[in-house]
Each structure stands twice: as structure tokens, then as C-alpha cells.
PDB file of N, CA and C in Angstrom:
ATOM      1  N   UNK A   1       0.844  -1.179   0.000  1.00  0.00           N
ATOM      2  CA  UNK A   1       0.000   0.000   0.000  1.00  0.00           C
ATOM      3  C   UNK A   1       0.883   1.234   0.000  1.00  0.00           C
ATOM      4  N   UNK A   2       0.502   2.202  -0.793  1.00  0.00           N
ATOM      5  CA  UNK A   2       1.182   3.491  -0.826  1.00  0.00           C
ATOM      6  C   UNK A   2       0.135   4.537  -0.491  1.00  0.00           C
ATOM      7  N   UNK A   3       0.395   5.311   0.531  1.00  0.00           N
ATOM      8  CA  UNK A   3      -0.553   6.336   0.952  1.00  0.00           C
ATOM      9  C   UNK A   3       0.191   7.427   1.696  1.00  0.00           C
ATOM     10  N   UNK A   4      -0.528   8.482   2.029  1.00  0.00           N
ATOM     11  CA  UNK A   4       0.048   9.555   2.838  1.00  0.00           C
ATOM     12  C   UNK A   4      -0.470   9.485   4.272  1.00  0.00           C
ATOM     13  N   UNK A   5      -1.789   9.428   4.499  1.00  0.00           N
ATOM     14  CA  UNK A   5      -2.256   9.353   5.889  1.00  0.00           C
ATOM     15  C   UNK A   5      -1.835   8.041   6.563  1.00  0.00           C
ATOM     16  N   UNK A   6      -1.191   8.104   7.723  1.00  0.00           N
ATOM     17  CA  UNK A   6      -0.755   6.889   8.424  1.00  0.00           C
ATOM     18  C   UNK A   6      -1.902   5.915   8.703  1.00  0.00           C
ATOM     19  N   UNK A   7      -3.090   6.425   8.965  1.00  0.00           N
ATOM     20  CA  UNK A   7      -4.215   5.540   9.260  1.00  0.00           C
ATOM     21  C   UNK A   7      -4.590   4.693   8.039  1.00  0.00           C
ATOM     22  N   UNK A   8      -4.366   5.198   6.826  1.00  0.00           N
ATOM     23  CA  UNK A   8      -4.629   4.392   5.635  1.00  0.00           C
ATOM     24  C   UNK A   8      -3.620   3.249   5.523  1.00  0.00           C
ATOM     25  N   UNK A   9      -2.374   3.530   5.888  1.00  0.00           N
ATOM     26  CA  UNK A   9      -1.359   2.479   5.859  1.00  0.00           C
ATOM     27  C   UNK A   9      -1.641   1.420   6.917  1.00  0.00           C
ATOM     28  N   UNK A  10      -2.074   1.852   8.094  1.00  0.00           N
ATOM     29  CA  UNK A  10      -2.427   0.908   9.159  1.00  0.00           C
ATOM     30  C   UNK A  10      -3.608   0.034   8.739  1.00  0.00           C
ATOM     31  N   UNK A  11      -4.604   0.640   8.105  1.00  0.00           N
ATOM     32  CA  UNK A  11      -5.767  -0.112   7.631  1.00  0.00           C
ATOM     33  C   UNK A  11      -5.351  -1.116   6.555  1.00  0.00           C
ATOM     34  N   UNK A  12      -4.472  -0.696   5.671  1.00  0.00           N
ATOM     35  CA  UNK A  12      -3.995  -1.609   4.626  1.00  0.00           C
ATOM     36  C   UNK A  12      -3.305  -2.821   5.240  1.00  0.00           C
ATOM     37  N   UNK A  13      -2.471  -2.594   6.251  1.00  0.00           N
ATOM     38  CA  UNK A  13      -1.807  -3.713   6.934  1.00  0.00           C
ATOM     39  C   UNK A  13      -2.831  -4.637   7.583  1.00  0.00           C
ATOM     40  N   UNK A  14      -3.830  -4.035   8.232  1.00  0.00           N
ATOM     41  CA  UNK A  14      -4.864  -4.827   8.897  1.00  0.00           C
ATOM     42  C   UNK A  14      -5.664  -5.659   7.892  1.00  0.00           C
ATOM     43  N   UNK A  15      -5.753  -5.174   6.660  1.00  0.00           N
ATOM     44  CA  UNK A  15      -6.511  -5.870   5.614  1.00  0.00           C
ATOM     45  C   UNK A  15      -5.649  -6.825   4.790  1.00  0.00           C
ATOM     46  N   UNK A  16      -4.355  -6.938   5.152  1.00  0.00           N
ATOM     47  CA  UNK A  16      -3.525  -7.937   4.497  1.00  0.00           C
ATOM     48  C   UNK A  16      -2.394  -7.432   3.623  1.00  0.00           C
ATOM     49  N   UNK A  17      -2.193  -6.121   3.530  1.00  0.00           N
ATOM     50  CA  UNK A  17      -1.072  -5.613   2.733  1.00  0.00           C
ATOM     51  C   UNK A  17       0.239  -6.087   3.352  1.00  0.00           C
ATOM     52  N   UNK A  18       1.129  -6.592   2.528  1.00  0.00           N
ATOM     53  CA  UNK A  18       2.410  -7.085   3.037  1.00  0.00           C
ATOM     54  C   UNK A  18       3.477  -6.003   3.044  1.00  0.00           C
ATOM     55  N   UNK A  19       3.294  -4.956   2.249  1.00  0.00           N
ATOM     56  CA  UNK A  19       4.255  -3.859   2.172  1.00  0.00           C
ATOM     57  C   UNK A  19       3.485  -2.538   2.182  1.00  0.00           C
ATOM     58  N   UNK A  20       3.959  -1.583   2.955  1.00  0.00           N
ATOM     59  CA  UNK A  20       3.352  -0.254   2.964  1.00  0.00           C
ATOM     60  C   UNK A  20       4.447   0.792   2.821  1.00  0.00           C
ATOM     61  N   UNK A  21       4.102   1.890   2.146  1.00  0.00           N
ATOM     62  CA  UNK A  21       5.052   2.981   1.926  1.00  0.00           C
ATOM     63  C   UNK A  21       4.340   4.311   2.086  1.00  0.00           C
ATOM     64  N   UNK A  22       4.966   5.222   2.815  1.00  0.00           N
ATOM     65  CA  UNK A  22       4.438   6.576   2.971  1.00  0.00           C
ATOM     66  C   UNK A  22       4.915   7.385   1.772  1.00  0.00           C
ATOM     67  N   UNK A  23       3.999   7.873   0.968  1.00  0.00           N
ATOM     68  CA  UNK A  23       4.338   8.507  -0.315  1.00  0.00           C
ATOM     69  C   UNK A  23       5.221   9.744  -0.160  1.00  0.00           C
ATOM     70  N   UNK A  24       5.043  10.515   0.874  1.00  0.00           N
ATOM     71  CA  UNK A  24       5.859  11.726   1.042  1.00  0.00           C
ATOM     72  C   UNK A  24       7.268  11.421   1.531  1.00  0.00           C
ATOM     73  N   UNK A  25       7.476  10.222   2.047  1.00  0.00           N
ATOM     74  CA  UNK A  25       8.788   9.851   2.578  1.00  0.00           C
ATOM     75  C   UNK A  25       9.602   9.010   1.609  1.00  0.00           C
ATOM     76  N   UNK A  26       8.974   8.535   0.538  1.00  0.00           N
ATOM     77  CA  UNK A  26       9.667   7.640  -0.396  1.00  0.00           C
ATOM     78  C   UNK A  26       9.404   8.056  -1.840  1.00  0.00           C
ATOM     79  N   UNK A  27      10.440   7.984  -2.668  1.00  0.00           N
ATOM     80  CA  UNK A  27      10.268   8.214  -4.098  1.00  0.00           C
ATOM     81  C   UNK A  27       9.755   6.926  -4.745  1.00  0.00           C
ATOM     82  N   UNK A  28       9.372   7.030  -6.000  1.00  0.00           N
ATOM     83  CA  UNK A  28       8.938   5.827  -6.716  1.00  0.00           C
ATOM     84  C   UNK A  28      10.063   4.795  -6.751  1.00  0.00           C
ATOM     85  N   UNK A  29      11.289   5.251  -6.933  1.00  0.00           N
ATOM     86  CA  UNK A  29      12.434   4.338  -6.934  1.00  0.00           C
ATOM     87  C   UNK A  29      12.629   3.656  -5.600  1.00  0.00           C
ATOM     88  N   UNK A  30      12.434   4.418  -4.504  1.00  0.00           N
ATOM     89  CA  UNK A  30      12.539   3.834  -3.164  1.00  0.00           C
ATOM     90  C   UNK A  30      11.486   2.743  -2.962  1.00  0.00           C
ATOM     91  N   UNK A  31      10.278   3.023  -3.425  1.00  0.00           N
ATOM     92  CA  UNK A  31       9.184   2.057  -3.273  1.00  0.00           C
ATOM     93  C   UNK A  31       9.481   0.800  -4.088  1.00  0.00           C
ATOM     94  N   UNK A  32       9.957   0.993  -5.312  1.00  0.00           N
ATOM     95  CA  UNK A  32      10.289  -0.149  -6.160  1.00  0.00           C
ATOM     96  C   UNK A  32      11.385  -1.000  -5.520  1.00  0.00           C
ATOM     97  N   UNK A  33      12.383  -0.356  -4.937  1.00  0.00           N
ATOM     98  CA  UNK A  33      13.453  -1.083  -4.252  1.00  0.00           C
ATOM     99  C   UNK A  33      12.901  -1.859  -3.061  1.00  0.00           C
ATOM    100  N   UNK A  34      11.995  -1.225  -2.302  1.00  0.00           N
ATOM    101  CA  UNK A  34      11.399  -1.889  -1.140  1.00  0.00           C
ATOM    102  C   UNK A  34      10.583  -3.114  -1.548  1.00  0.00           C
ATOM    103  N   UNK A  35      10.092  -3.112  -2.776  1.00  0.00           N
ATOM    104  CA  UNK A  35       9.283  -4.229  -3.271  1.00  0.00           C
ATOM    105  C   UNK A  35      10.096  -5.267  -4.039  1.00  0.00           C
ATOM    106  N   UNK A  36      11.404  -5.086  -4.112  1.00  0.00           N
ATOM    107  CA  UNK A  36      12.227  -5.956  -4.957  1.00  0.00           C
ATOM    108  C   UNK A  36      12.165  -7.430  -4.557  1.00  0.00           C
ATOM    109  N   UNK A  37      11.929  -7.706  -3.282  1.00  0.00           N
ATOM    110  CA  UNK A  37      11.860  -9.108  -2.852  1.00  0.00           C
ATOM    111  C   UNK A  37      10.612  -9.818  -3.360  1.00  0.00           C
ATOM    112  N   UNK A  38       9.625  -9.053  -3.809  1.00  0.00           N
ATOM    113  CA  UNK A  38       8.403  -9.662  -4.347  1.00  0.00           C
ATOM    114  C   UNK A  38       8.123  -9.174  -5.769  1.00  0.00           C
ATOM    115  N   UNK A  39       9.158  -8.765  -6.494  1.00  0.00           N
ATOM    116  CA  UNK A  39       8.943  -8.167  -7.811  1.00  0.00           C
ATOM    117  C   UNK A  39       8.243  -9.094  -8.804  1.00  0.00           C
ATOM    118  N   UNK A  40       8.302 -10.401  -8.588  1.00  0.00           N
ATOM    119  CA  UNK A  40       7.641 -11.323  -9.501  1.00  0.00           C
ATOM    120  C   UNK A  40       6.322 -11.851  -8.937  1.00  0.00           C
ATOM    121  N   UNK A  41       5.888 -11.329  -7.827  1.00  0.00           N
ATOM    122  CA  UNK A  41       4.657 -11.793  -7.184  1.00  0.00           C
ATOM    123  C   UNK A  41       3.925 -10.596  -6.586  1.00  0.00           C
ATOM    124  N   UNK A  42       3.444  -9.703  -7.449  1.00  0.00           N
ATOM    125  CA  UNK A  42       2.794  -8.484  -6.973  1.00  0.00           C
ATOM    126  C   UNK A  42       1.380  -8.356  -7.522  1.00  0.00           C
ATOM    127  N   UNK A  43       0.513  -7.839  -6.683  1.00  0.00           N
ATOM    128  CA  UNK A  43      -0.798  -7.381  -7.102  1.00  0.00           C
ATOM    129  C   UNK A  43      -0.856  -5.916  -6.708  1.00  0.00           C
ATOM    130  N   UNK A  44      -0.920  -5.038  -7.695  1.00  0.00           N
ATOM    131  CA  UNK A  44      -0.953  -3.598  -7.449  1.00  0.00           C
ATOM    132  C   UNK A  44      -2.359  -3.114  -7.776  1.00  0.00           C
ATOM    133  N   UNK A  45      -3.047  -2.572  -6.784  1.00  0.00           N
ATOM    134  CA  UNK A  45      -4.388  -2.016  -6.972  1.00  0.00           C
ATOM    135  C   UNK A  45      -4.291  -0.504  -6.884  1.00  0.00           C
ATOM    136  N   UNK A  46      -4.701   0.192  -7.932  1.00  0.00           N
ATOM    137  CA  UNK A  46      -4.679   1.651  -7.931  1.00  0.00           C
ATOM    138  C   UNK A  46      -6.110   2.115  -7.714  1.00  0.00           C
ATOM    139  N   UNK A  47      -6.337   2.869  -6.642  1.00  0.00           N
ATOM    140  CA  UNK A  47      -7.705   3.244  -6.288  1.00  0.00           C
ATOM    141  C   UNK A  47      -7.935   4.741  -6.160  1.00  0.00           C
ATOM    142  N   UNK A  48      -6.888   5.549  -6.184  1.00  0.00           N
ATOM    143  CA  UNK A  48      -7.058   6.991  -5.972  1.00  0.00           C
ATOM    144  C   UNK A  48      -7.643   7.683  -7.197  1.00  0.00           C
ATOM    145  N   UNK A  49      -7.249   7.242  -8.374  1.00  0.00           N
ATOM    146  CA  UNK A  49      -7.855   7.768  -9.586  1.00  0.00           C
ATOM    147  C   UNK A  49      -7.270   9.046 -10.141  1.00  0.00           C
ATOM    148  N   UNK A  50      -6.071   9.395  -9.752  1.00  0.00           N
ATOM    149  CA  UNK A  50      -5.443  10.588 -10.319  1.00  0.00           C
ATOM    150  C   UNK A  50      -4.383  10.160 -11.328  1.00  0.00           C
ATOM    151  N   UNK A  51      -4.075  11.007 -12.299  1.00  0.00           N
ATOM    152  CA  UNK A  51      -3.021  10.648 -13.251  1.00  0.00           C
ATOM    153  C   UNK A  51      -1.698  10.316 -12.555  1.00  0.00           C
ATOM    154  N   UNK A  52      -1.390  11.031 -11.488  1.00  0.00           N
ATOM    155  CA  UNK A  52      -0.140  10.797 -10.764  1.00  0.00           C
ATOM    156  C   UNK A  52      -0.107   9.416 -10.124  1.00  0.00           C
ATOM    157  N   UNK A  53      -1.214   8.991  -9.532  1.00  0.00           N
ATOM    158  CA  UNK A  53      -1.214   7.695  -8.849  1.00  0.00           C
ATOM    159  C   UNK A  53      -1.270   6.532  -9.831  1.00  0.00           C
ATOM    160  N   UNK A  54      -1.935   6.728 -10.963  1.00  0.00           N
ATOM    161  CA  UNK A  54      -1.934   5.686 -11.993  1.00  0.00           C
ATOM    162  C   UNK A  54      -0.513   5.517 -12.526  1.00  0.00           C
ATOM    163  N   UNK A  55       0.154   6.630 -12.806  1.00  0.00           N
ATOM    164  CA  UNK A  55       1.539   6.570 -13.289  1.00  0.00           C
ATOM    165  C   UNK A  55       2.457   5.932 -12.257  1.00  0.00           C
ATOM    166  N   UNK A  56       2.263   6.268 -10.972  1.00  0.00           N
ATOM    167  CA  UNK A  56       3.074   5.683  -9.907  1.00  0.00           C
ATOM    168  C   UNK A  56       2.868   4.172  -9.841  1.00  0.00           C
ATOM    169  N   UNK A  57       1.629   3.729  -9.940  1.00  0.00           N
ATOM    170  CA  UNK A  57       1.340   2.290  -9.885  1.00  0.00           C
ATOM    171  C   UNK A  57       2.057   1.554 -11.011  1.00  0.00           C
ATOM    172  N   UNK A  58       2.042   2.136 -12.205  1.00  0.00           N
ATOM    173  CA  UNK A  58       2.724   1.517 -13.343  1.00  0.00           C
ATOM    174  C   UNK A  58       4.227   1.500 -13.108  1.00  0.00           C
ATOM    175  N   UNK A  59       4.752   2.602 -12.581  1.00  0.00           N
ATOM    176  CA  UNK A  59       6.197   2.721 -12.375  1.00  0.00           C
ATOM    177  C   UNK A  59       6.730   1.747 -11.326  1.00  0.00           C
ATOM    178  N   UNK A  60       5.977   1.524 -10.246  1.00  0.00           N
ATOM    179  CA  UNK A  60       6.497   0.681  -9.164  1.00  0.00           C
ATOM    180  C   UNK A  60       6.213  -0.802  -9.369  1.00  0.00           C
ATOM    181  N   UNK A  61       5.341  -1.131 -10.318  1.00  0.00           N
ATOM    182  CA  UNK A  61       4.989  -2.534 -10.544  1.00  0.00           C
ATOM    183  C   UNK A  61       6.185  -3.316 -11.070  1.00  0.00           C
ATOM    184  N   UNK A  62       6.351  -4.516 -10.547  1.00  0.00           N
ATOM    185  CA  UNK A  62       7.429  -5.397 -10.985  1.00  0.00           C
ATOM    186  C   UNK A  62       7.155  -5.949 -12.374  1.00  0.00           C
ATOM    187  N   UNK A  63       8.126  -6.676 -12.944  1.00  0.00           N
ATOM    188  CA  UNK A  63       8.011  -7.164 -14.317  1.00  0.00           C
ATOM    189  C   UNK A  63       6.866  -8.149 -14.560  1.00  0.00           C
ATOM    190  N   UNK A  64       6.407  -8.837 -13.543  1.00  0.00           N
ATOM    191  CA  UNK A  64       5.285  -9.774 -13.715  1.00  0.00           C
ATOM    192  C   UNK A  64       4.111  -9.412 -12.814  1.00  0.00           C
ATOM    193  N   UNK A  65       4.035  -8.163 -12.428  1.00  0.00           N
ATOM    194  CA  UNK A  65       2.973  -7.716 -11.525  1.00  0.00           C
ATOM    195  C   UNK A  65       1.614  -7.754 -12.210  1.00  0.00           C
ATOM    196  N   UNK A  66       0.606  -7.986 -11.406  1.00  0.00           N
ATOM    197  CA  UNK A  66      -0.768  -7.810 -11.851  1.00  0.00           C
ATOM    198  C   UNK A  66      -1.164  -6.414 -11.391  1.00  0.00           C
ATOM    199  N   UNK A  67      -1.629  -5.588 -12.303  1.00  0.00           N
ATOM    200  CA  UNK A  67      -1.981  -4.209 -11.993  1.00  0.00           C
ATOM    201  C   UNK A  67      -3.447  -4.003 -12.319  1.00  0.00           C
ATOM    202  N   UNK A  68      -4.208  -3.565 -11.332  1.00  0.00           N
ATOM    203  CA  UNK A  68      -5.633  -3.333 -11.541  1.00  0.00           C
ATOM    204  C   UNK A  68      -5.981  -1.914 -11.137  1.00  0.00           C
ATOM    205  N   UNK A  69      -6.794  -1.283 -11.940  1.00  0.00           N
ATOM    206  CA  UNK A  69      -7.281   0.060 -11.662  1.00  0.00           C
ATOM    207  C   UNK A  69      -8.730  -0.078 -11.238  1.00  0.00           C
ATOM    208  N   UNK A  70      -9.062   0.412 -10.059  1.00  0.00           N
ATOM    209  CA  UNK A  70     -10.433   0.363  -9.563  1.00  0.00           C
ATOM    210  C   UNK A  70     -11.097   1.679  -9.944  1.00  0.00           C
ATOM    211  N   UNK A  71     -12.059   1.617 -10.856  1.00  0.00           N
ATOM    212  CA  UNK A  71     -12.700   2.828 -11.356  1.00  0.00           C
ATOM    213  C   UNK A  71     -12.192   3.157 -12.753  1.00  0.00           C
ATOM    214  N   UNK A  72     -12.542   4.338 -13.222  1.00  0.00           N
ATOM    215  CA  UNK A  72     -12.169   4.761 -14.571  1.00  0.00           C
ATOM    216  C   UNK A  72     -10.758   5.325 -14.603  1.00  0.00           C
ATOM    217  N   UNK A  73     -10.092   5.151 -15.727  1.00  0.00           N
ATOM    218  CA  UNK A  73      -8.769   5.750 -15.908  1.00  0.00           C
ATOM    219  C   UNK A  73      -8.966   7.241 -16.160  1.00  0.00           C
ATOM    220  N   UNK A  74      -8.202   8.092 -15.483  1.00  0.00           N
ATOM    221  CA  UNK A  74      -8.349   9.542 -15.669  1.00  0.00           C
ATOM    222  C   UNK A  74      -8.099   9.952 -17.115  1.00  0.00           C
ATOM    223  N   UNK A  75      -8.849  10.922 -17.600  1.00  0.00           N
ATOM    224  CA  UNK A  75      -8.685  11.396 -18.975  1.00  0.00           C
ATOM    225  C   UNK A  75      -7.316  12.014 -19.208  1.00  0.00           C
ATOM    226  N   UNK A  76      -6.745  12.610 -18.181  1.00  0.00           N
ATOM    227  CA  UNK A  76      -5.466  13.303 -18.329  1.00  0.00           C
ATOM    228  C   UNK A  76      -4.281  12.346 -18.406  1.00  0.00           C
ATOM    229  N   UNK A  77      -4.516  11.061 -18.282  1.00  0.00           N
ATOM    230  CA  UNK A  77      -3.420  10.094 -18.299  1.00  0.00           C
ATOM    231  C   UNK A  77      -2.954   9.850 -19.726  1.00  0.00           C
ATOM    232  N   UNK A  78      -1.662   9.990 -19.938  1.00  0.00           N
ATOM    233  CA  UNK A  78      -1.073   9.640 -21.225  1.00  0.00           C
ATOM    234  C   UNK A  78       0.024   8.635 -20.965  1.00  0.00           C
ATOM    235  N   UNK A  79       0.082   7.613 -21.778  1.00  0.00           N
ATOM    236  CA  UNK A  79       1.101   6.587 -21.619  1.00  0.00           C
ATOM    237  C   UNK A  79       2.007   6.586 -22.829  1.00  0.00           C
ATOM    238  N   UNK A  80       3.284   6.352 -22.571  1.00  0.00           N
ATOM    239  CA  UNK A  80       4.237   6.273 -23.680  1.00  0.00           C
ATOM    240  C   UNK A  80       4.869   4.908 -23.695  1.00  0.00           C
TER     241      UNK A  80
END
């Protein structure tokens, strides 16, 4: 789980998240490094719905990650 409010990270842990990261304290690279031990066994759920969080989810996902977006993809999202 990647979030800013500590209570969201605590809730994610209580619901079964194995890794949590505070977004203001870690860069995307830091998060990816923290997830390196499970890079081939990831389920990334993006639920915030902003272009920034969708891009972050794609960036931190490992090479065989399953990535799911809950809700609609933001119109402002562009992928290259």
C-alpha cells in the first residue's frame, strides 16, 4: 500500500497488505526497491484515480505484476 495518511497504511496492513510505503517519505524508486523481494509476485491495486497515482502504480509494478485500476482511468493520463 502506498498512501500519505498513516491511518490508511495501518488499515492496509490490517486488511492484508504485506508492504506499505508513505508517499511523502519515499520516491517511486525507493518504493520499487522496497518491493524488490516480491517483484515477480505483486498485485498492485490503484484506487485513488489521479493521473499521478496511476503513473506511480505503473512505475512501481514489478516485471510480472498484476496491476488493476479500480474505477475509470483519468482522462489526463497519457502513456508512452
